[in-house]
Amino acid sequence: MNDKPKIEDLIREGEKPENAQKVKEEFQGYKEKNQHRLKILKELEELYDLFVSGTLKRKDKAIVIGTLLYFINPFDLIPDITPFIGFGDDMALILFVYRYLLGRAKELTKKK
């Protein structure tokens, strides 16, 4: 996932069972280790809570897994060790997916 991630890439990665397990095993530790550099902890935690809740449809769950996997991978589009901007791509992706899922929730609510 070294190129700019697309929804399709997130879905493809998120549908791999080993990646769901990797997120469960590594997410909390990686988040805690880097929380002083993150301004989006609320959104990040809500995405993780959605992932483990069992309430998401398969596609949306795969998107969340792919996003969280991208977050815990320190060697992504902009490596996390890059001063000042290392988490910029992670934060942008997390906010994009967070807003996407909020929109999906509103869309699903209207259909009921």
C-alpha atoms as a PDB file:
ATOM      1  CA  MET A   1       0.000   0.000   0.000  1.00  0.00           C
ATOM      2  CA  ASN A   2       2.704   2.467  -0.923  1.00  0.00           C
ATOM      3  CA  ASP A   3       0.597   4.364  -3.479  1.00  0.00           C
ATOM      4  CA  LYS A   4      -2.212   6.730  -2.599  1.00  0.00           C
ATOM      5  CA  PRO A   5      -4.910   4.371  -1.295  1.00  0.00           C
ATOM      6  CA  LYS A   6      -8.243   4.095  -3.068  1.00  0.00           C
ATOM      7  CA  ILE A   7     -11.469   2.703  -1.634  1.00  0.00           C
ATOM      8  CA  GLU A   8     -10.976  -0.397  -3.802  1.00  0.00           C
ATOM      9  CA  ASP A   9      -7.497  -0.915  -2.318  1.00  0.00           C
ATOM     10  CA  LEU A  10      -8.856  -0.565   1.200  1.00  0.00           C
ATOM     11  CA  ILE A  11     -11.614  -3.071   0.471  1.00  0.00           C
ATOM     12  CA  ARG A  12      -9.188  -5.565  -1.081  1.00  0.00           C
ATOM     13  CA  GLU A  13      -6.827  -5.365   1.906  1.00  0.00           C
ATOM     14  CA  GLY A  14      -9.640  -5.261   4.415  1.00  0.00           C
ATOM     15  CA  GLU A  15     -11.221  -8.465   3.108  1.00  0.00           C
ATOM     16  CA  LYS A  16      -8.108 -10.516   3.889  1.00  0.00           C
ATOM     17  CA  PRO A  17      -8.788 -12.366   7.178  1.00  0.00           C
ATOM     18  CA  GLU A  18      -5.177 -12.052   8.317  1.00  0.00           C
ATOM     19  CA  ASN A  19      -5.420  -8.249   8.117  1.00  0.00           C
ATOM     20  CA  ALA A  20      -8.459  -8.137  10.403  1.00  0.00           C
ATOM     21  CA  GLN A  21      -6.464 -10.135  12.949  1.00  0.00           C
ATOM     22  CA  LYS A  22      -3.427  -7.877  12.506  1.00  0.00           C
ATOM     23  CA  VAL A  23      -5.558  -4.794  13.220  1.00  0.00           C
ATOM     24  CA  LYS A  24      -6.992  -6.438  16.357  1.00  0.00           C
ATOM     25  CA  GLU A  25      -3.500  -7.336  17.581  1.00  0.00           C
ATOM     26  CA  GLU A  26      -1.598  -4.159  16.717  1.00  0.00           C
ATOM     27  CA  PHE A  27      -4.031  -1.224  16.611  1.00  0.00           C
ATOM     28  CA  GLN A  28      -4.229  -0.316  20.313  1.00  0.00           C
ATOM     29  CA  GLY A  29      -0.480  -0.424  20.905  1.00  0.00           C
ATOM     30  CA  TYR A  30       0.345   1.581  17.786  1.00  0.00           C
ATOM     31  CA  LYS A  31      -2.344   4.168  18.597  1.00  0.00           C
ATOM     32  CA  GLU A  32      -1.108   4.584  22.177  1.00  0.00           C
ATOM     33  CA  LYS A  33       2.523   4.844  21.079  1.00  0.00           C
ATOM     34  CA  ASN A  34       1.663   7.652  18.637  1.00  0.00           C
ATOM     35  CA  GLN A  35      -1.240   9.400  20.364  1.00  0.00           C
ATOM     36  CA  HIS A  36       0.810  12.494  21.188  1.00  0.00           C
ATOM     37  CA  ARG A  37       1.182  13.107  17.439  1.00  0.00           C
ATOM     38  CA  LEU A  38      -2.445  12.513  16.481  1.00  0.00           C
ATOM     39  CA  LYS A  39      -5.243  15.043  16.493  1.00  0.00           C
ATOM     40  CA  ILE A  40      -7.904  12.591  15.344  1.00  0.00           C
ATOM     41  CA  LEU A  41      -8.048  10.133  18.226  1.00  0.00           C
ATOM     42  CA  LYS A  42     -11.840  10.339  18.544  1.00  0.00           C
ATOM     43  CA  GLU A  43     -12.397   9.442  14.894  1.00  0.00           C
ATOM     44  CA  LEU A  44      -9.722   6.761  15.002  1.00  0.00           C
ATOM     45  CA  GLU A  45     -11.244   5.131  18.077  1.00  0.00           C
ATOM     46  CA  GLU A  46     -14.736   5.295  16.572  1.00  0.00           C
ATOM     47  CA  LEU A  47     -13.493   3.530  13.429  1.00  0.00           C
ATOM     48  CA  TYR A  48     -11.933   0.809  15.569  1.00  0.00           C
ATOM     49  CA  ASP A  49     -15.123   0.485  17.625  1.00  0.00           C
ATOM     50  CA  LEU A  50     -17.127   0.085  14.404  1.00  0.00           C
ATOM     51  CA  PHE A  51     -14.695  -2.587  13.232  1.00  0.00           C
ATOM     52  CA  VAL A  52     -15.100  -4.710  16.368  1.00  0.00           C
ATOM     53  CA  SER A  53     -18.837  -4.012  16.811  1.00  0.00           C
ATOM     54  CA  GLY A  54     -20.020  -6.465  14.179  1.00  0.00           C
ATOM     55  CA  THR A  55     -22.599  -3.974  12.901  1.00  0.00           C
ATOM     56  CA  LEU A  56     -20.952  -2.991   9.623  1.00  0.00           C
ATOM     57  CA  LYS A  57     -21.788  -4.523   6.297  1.00  0.00           C
ATOM     58  CA  ARG A  58     -18.965  -6.528   4.717  1.00  0.00           C
ATOM     59  CA  LYS A  59     -17.827  -3.752   2.329  1.00  0.00           C
ATOM     60  CA  ASP A  60     -17.796  -1.064   5.035  1.00  0.00           C
ATOM     61  CA  LYS A  61     -15.991  -3.367   7.458  1.00  0.00           C
ATOM     62  CA  ALA A  62     -13.356  -4.066   4.800  1.00  0.00           C
ATOM     63  CA  ILE A  63     -12.901  -0.320   4.259  1.00  0.00           C
ATOM     64  CA  VAL A  64     -12.380   0.212   8.004  1.00  0.00           C
ATOM     65  CA  ILE A  65      -9.923  -2.688   8.247  1.00  0.00           C
ATOM     66  CA  GLY A  66      -7.981  -1.367   5.244  1.00  0.00           C
ATOM     67  CA  THR A  67      -7.885   2.112   6.766  1.00  0.00           C
ATOM     68  CA  LEU A  68      -6.717   0.903  10.168  1.00  0.00           C
ATOM     69  CA  LEU A  69      -4.145  -1.336   8.489  1.00  0.00           C
ATOM     70  CA  TYR A  70      -2.862   1.698   6.585  1.00  0.00           C
ATOM     71  CA  PHE A  71      -2.668   3.567   9.906  1.00  0.00           C
ATOM     72  CA  ILE A  72      -0.612   0.890  11.679  1.00  0.00           C
ATOM     73  CA  ASN A  73       1.724   0.461   8.710  1.00  0.00           C
ATOM     74  CA  PRO A  74       4.558   2.949   9.414  1.00  0.00           C
ATOM     75  CA  PHE A  75       5.803   2.773   5.800  1.00  0.00           C
ATOM     76  CA  ASP A  76       2.937   4.248   3.826  1.00  0.00           C
ATOM     77  CA  LEU A  77       2.619   7.151   1.379  1.00  0.00           C
ATOM     78  CA  ILE A  78       4.392   9.494   3.828  1.00  0.00           C
ATOM     79  CA  PRO A  79       6.364   7.413   6.365  1.00  0.00           C
ATOM     80  CA  ASP A  80       5.199   8.068   9.922  1.00  0.00           C
ATOM     81  CA  ILE A  81       8.733   8.916  11.028  1.00  0.00           C
ATOM     82  CA  THR A  82       8.798  11.977   8.732  1.00  0.00           C
ATOM     83  CA  PRO A  83       8.791  15.000  11.079  1.00  0.00           C
ATOM     84  CA  PHE A  84       5.632  17.158  11.177  1.00  0.00           C
ATOM     85  CA  ILE A  85       3.851  15.507   8.224  1.00  0.00           C
ATOM     86  CA  GLY A  86       4.403  11.805   8.830  1.00  0.00           C
ATOM     87  CA  PHE A  87       0.852  11.197   9.966  1.00  0.00           C
ATOM     88  CA  GLY A  88      -0.691  13.631   7.465  1.00  0.00           C
ATOM     89  CA  ASP A  89      -1.713  10.961   4.977  1.00  0.00           C
ATOM     90  CA  ASP A  90      -2.982   8.717   7.781  1.00  0.00           C
ATOM     91  CA  MET A  91      -5.109  11.521   9.225  1.00  0.00           C
ATOM     92  CA  ALA A  92      -6.503  12.484   5.818  1.00  0.00           C
ATOM     93  CA  LEU A  93      -7.494   8.899   5.075  1.00  0.00           C
ATOM     94  CA  ILE A  94      -9.035   8.380   8.522  1.00  0.00           C
ATOM     95  CA  LEU A  95     -11.106  11.563   8.210  1.00  0.00           C
ATOM     96  CA  PHE A  96     -12.169  10.644   4.664  1.00  0.00           C
ATOM     97  CA  VAL A  97     -13.352   7.172   5.711  1.00  0.00           C
ATOM     98  CA  TYR A  98     -14.946   8.527   8.892  1.00  0.00           C
ATOM     99  CA  ARG A  99     -16.978  11.041   6.877  1.00  0.00           C
ATOM    100  CA  TYR A 100     -17.779   8.403   4.266  1.00  0.00           C
ATOM    101  CA  LEU A 101     -19.207   6.095   6.943  1.00  0.00           C
ATOM    102  CA  LEU A 102     -21.194   8.944   8.506  1.00  0.00           C
ATOM    103  CA  GLY A 103     -22.713   9.567   5.095  1.00  0.00           C
ATOM    104  CA  ARG A 104     -23.457   5.852   4.678  1.00  0.00           C
ATOM    105  CA  ALA A 105     -25.122   5.771   8.106  1.00  0.00           C
ATOM    106  CA  LYS A 106     -27.359   8.699   7.158  1.00  0.00           C
ATOM    107  CA  GLU A 107     -28.137   7.059   3.817  1.00  0.00           C
ATOM    108  CA  LEU A 108     -29.077   3.755   5.482  1.00  0.00           C
ATOM    109  CA  THR A 109     -31.201   5.568   8.091  1.00  0.00           C
ATOM    110  CA  LYS A 110     -33.208   7.324   5.349  1.00  0.00           C
ATOM    111  CA  LYS A 111     -33.952   3.980   3.682  1.00  0.00           C
ATOM    112  CA  LYS A 112     -35.590   2.553   6.828  1.00  0.00           C
END
